[in-house]
Amino acid sequence: MSNWKIRIGGLALMVLGAFLFVWSVKYIQAEWPQIFVGLLSVFSTAMGFALLIMPLDLHEDGPTPD
């Protein structure tokens, strides 16, 4: 998978997390579904941020020193 696809996937996960957070706070009235969707929004935002800042070019610098 190329670098830009991973970065776009991370950005999409962050946008999905923000949408889920707004949806859980604004439209869900029951307690447990609101908690579940809120936790899912935090998880997807965190995974998206991790994909955005993940170093991808570690092995392209050259051979590893022995």
N, C-alpha and C. Protein backbone atom coordinates (compact mmCIF):
# COMPACT_ATOMS: atom_id res chain seq x y z
N MET A 1 0.85 -1.18 0.00
CA MET A 1 0.00 0.00 0.00
C MET A 1 0.89 1.23 0.00
N SER A 2 0.57 2.19 -0.81
CA SER A 2 1.43 3.36 -0.90
C SER A 2 1.19 4.32 0.27
N ASN A 3 2.15 5.21 0.43
CA ASN A 3 2.12 6.13 1.57
C ASN A 3 0.88 7.02 1.56
N TRP A 4 0.49 7.52 0.41
CA TRP A 4 -0.63 8.46 0.39
C TRP A 4 -1.95 7.76 0.68
N LYS A 5 -2.07 6.46 0.36
CA LYS A 5 -3.31 5.75 0.68
C LYS A 5 -3.43 5.56 2.19
N ILE A 6 -2.33 5.31 2.87
CA ILE A 6 -2.35 5.16 4.32
C ILE A 6 -2.69 6.50 4.97
N ARG A 7 -2.10 7.59 4.48
CA ARG A 7 -2.39 8.91 5.04
C ARG A 7 -3.85 9.31 4.80
N ILE A 8 -4.38 9.04 3.61
CA ILE A 8 -5.78 9.36 3.32
C ILE A 8 -6.71 8.50 4.19
N GLY A 9 -6.33 7.24 4.42
CA GLY A 9 -7.12 6.39 5.30
C GLY A 9 -7.14 6.92 6.73
N GLY A 10 -6.00 7.41 7.20
CA GLY A 10 -5.95 8.01 8.53
C GLY A 10 -6.80 9.26 8.62
N LEU A 11 -6.75 10.07 7.60
CA LEU A 11 -7.57 11.28 7.58
C LEU A 11 -9.06 10.93 7.56
N ALA A 12 -9.40 9.90 6.79
CA ALA A 12 -10.80 9.47 6.73
C ALA A 12 -11.26 8.93 8.08
N LEU A 13 -10.40 8.21 8.78
CA LEU A 13 -10.77 7.71 10.10
C LEU A 13 -10.96 8.86 11.09
N MET A 14 -10.15 9.90 10.99
CA MET A 14 -10.33 11.05 11.88
C MET A 14 -11.64 11.77 11.59
N VAL A 15 -11.98 11.91 10.32
CA VAL A 15 -13.25 12.56 9.96
C VAL A 15 -14.43 11.69 10.43
N LEU A 16 -14.31 10.37 10.27
CA LEU A 16 -15.35 9.47 10.75
C LEU A 16 -15.51 9.58 12.26
N GLY A 17 -14.40 9.66 12.99
CA GLY A 17 -14.47 9.81 14.44
C GLY A 17 -15.15 11.10 14.85
N ALA A 18 -14.86 12.17 14.16
CA ALA A 18 -15.51 13.45 14.47
C ALA A 18 -17.01 13.37 14.19
N PHE A 19 -17.38 12.76 13.07
CA PHE A 19 -18.80 12.59 12.75
C PHE A 19 -19.51 11.74 13.80
N LEU A 20 -18.89 10.64 14.21
CA LEU A 20 -19.50 9.78 15.22
C LEU A 20 -19.65 10.49 16.56
N PHE A 21 -18.68 11.32 16.91
CA PHE A 21 -18.77 12.06 18.16
C PHE A 21 -19.93 13.03 18.14
N VAL A 22 -20.06 13.80 17.07
CA VAL A 22 -21.16 14.76 16.97
C VAL A 22 -22.49 14.02 16.95
N TRP A 23 -22.56 12.91 16.24
CA TRP A 23 -23.79 12.13 16.17
C TRP A 23 -24.18 11.58 17.54
N SER A 24 -23.19 11.09 18.29
CA SER A 24 -23.51 10.51 19.60
C SER A 24 -23.96 11.57 20.60
N VAL A 25 -23.38 12.76 20.52
CA VAL A 25 -23.75 13.80 21.47
C VAL A 25 -25.08 14.46 21.11
N LYS A 26 -25.30 14.65 19.81
CA LYS A 26 -26.45 15.43 19.39
C LYS A 26 -27.72 14.61 19.18
N TYR A 27 -27.61 13.40 18.65
CA TYR A 27 -28.80 12.69 18.20
C TYR A 27 -29.16 11.45 19.00
N ILE A 28 -28.23 10.86 19.73
CA ILE A 28 -28.54 9.64 20.47
C ILE A 28 -28.93 10.02 21.89
N GLN A 29 -30.10 9.56 22.32
CA GLN A 29 -30.60 9.93 23.63
C GLN A 29 -30.42 8.83 24.68
N ALA A 30 -30.37 7.57 24.25
CA ALA A 30 -30.20 6.46 25.20
C ALA A 30 -28.76 6.42 25.69
N GLU A 31 -28.57 5.94 26.91
CA GLU A 31 -27.26 6.04 27.55
C GLU A 31 -26.22 5.10 26.94
N TRP A 32 -26.53 3.79 26.87
CA TRP A 32 -25.52 2.84 26.42
C TRP A 32 -25.15 2.99 24.95
N PRO A 33 -26.09 3.20 24.03
CA PRO A 33 -25.66 3.46 22.65
C PRO A 33 -24.81 4.72 22.52
N GLN A 34 -25.12 5.74 23.32
CA GLN A 34 -24.33 6.96 23.27
C GLN A 34 -22.90 6.70 23.76
N ILE A 35 -22.76 5.90 24.81
CA ILE A 35 -21.42 5.56 25.31
C ILE A 35 -20.66 4.74 24.27
N PHE A 36 -21.34 3.75 23.67
CA PHE A 36 -20.68 2.90 22.68
C PHE A 36 -20.22 3.70 21.47
N VAL A 37 -21.08 4.54 20.93
CA VAL A 37 -20.71 5.33 19.74
C VAL A 37 -19.64 6.37 20.11
N GLY A 38 -19.70 6.92 21.31
CA GLY A 38 -18.66 7.85 21.75
C GLY A 38 -17.30 7.18 21.86
N LEU A 39 -17.27 5.97 22.41
CA LEU A 39 -16.00 5.24 22.49
C LEU A 39 -15.50 4.84 21.11
N LEU A 40 -16.41 4.48 20.22
CA LEU A 40 -16.02 4.16 18.85
C LEU A 40 -15.45 5.39 18.14
N SER A 41 -16.00 6.56 18.43
CA SER A 41 -15.47 7.77 17.82
C SER A 41 -14.07 8.09 18.33
N VAL A 42 -13.83 7.88 19.62
CA VAL A 42 -12.50 8.11 20.17
C VAL A 42 -11.50 7.12 19.58
N PHE A 43 -11.90 5.85 19.46
CA PHE A 43 -11.01 4.83 18.90
C PHE A 43 -10.67 5.14 17.44
N SER A 44 -11.66 5.50 16.64
CA SER A 44 -11.37 5.77 15.23
C SER A 44 -10.55 7.03 15.05
N THR A 45 -10.77 8.04 15.88
CA THR A 45 -9.95 9.24 15.81
C THR A 45 -8.51 8.94 16.19
N ALA A 46 -8.32 8.13 17.23
CA ALA A 46 -6.97 7.78 17.65
C ALA A 46 -6.25 6.95 16.59
N MET A 47 -6.94 6.00 15.98
CA MET A 47 -6.31 5.18 14.94
C MET A 47 -5.99 6.03 13.70
N GLY A 48 -6.88 6.95 13.37
CA GLY A 48 -6.60 7.83 12.24
C GLY A 48 -5.41 8.72 12.49
N PHE A 49 -5.29 9.25 13.71
CA PHE A 49 -4.13 10.08 14.05
C PHE A 49 -2.86 9.25 14.03
N ALA A 50 -2.94 8.01 14.51
CA ALA A 50 -1.76 7.14 14.48
C ALA A 50 -1.32 6.84 13.06
N LEU A 51 -2.26 6.65 12.15
CA LEU A 51 -1.90 6.41 10.76
C LEU A 51 -1.30 7.66 10.12
N LEU A 52 -1.75 8.83 10.54
CA LEU A 52 -1.21 10.06 9.97
C LEU A 52 0.23 10.31 10.41
N ILE A 53 0.56 10.00 11.66
CA ILE A 53 1.91 10.31 12.14
C ILE A 53 2.86 9.12 12.09
N MET A 54 2.39 7.97 11.62
CA MET A 54 3.22 6.77 11.57
C MET A 54 4.38 6.96 10.60
N PRO A 55 5.62 6.69 11.02
CA PRO A 55 6.74 6.79 10.08
C PRO A 55 6.68 5.63 9.10
N LEU A 56 6.82 5.93 7.83
CA LEU A 56 6.70 4.90 6.80
C LEU A 56 8.00 4.63 6.04
N ASP A 57 8.98 5.51 6.13
CA ASP A 57 10.18 5.39 5.33
C ASP A 57 11.40 4.97 6.15
N LEU A 58 11.22 4.10 7.11
CA LEU A 58 12.33 3.72 7.97
C LEU A 58 13.34 2.83 7.25
N HIS A 59 12.87 1.92 6.40
CA HIS A 59 13.76 0.96 5.75
C HIS A 59 14.29 1.42 4.41
N GLU A 60 13.94 2.59 3.96
CA GLU A 60 14.42 3.09 2.68
C GLU A 60 15.71 3.88 2.80
N ASP A 61 16.21 4.09 4.02
CA ASP A 61 17.43 4.88 4.21
C ASP A 61 18.69 4.12 3.82
N GLY A 62 18.68 2.82 3.95
CA GLY A 62 19.85 2.04 3.61
C GLY A 62 19.90 0.80 4.46
N PRO A 63 21.01 0.08 4.36
CA PRO A 63 21.13 -1.14 5.15
C PRO A 63 21.28 -0.83 6.63
N THR A 64 20.79 -1.74 7.44
CA THR A 64 20.89 -1.55 8.89
C THR A 64 22.31 -1.89 9.35
N PRO A 65 22.83 -1.13 10.30
CA PRO A 65 24.19 -1.44 10.81
C PRO A 65 24.17 -2.73 11.64
N ASP A 66 25.21 -3.52 11.47
CA ASP A 66 25.30 -4.78 12.23
C ASP A 66 26.07 -4.62 13.48
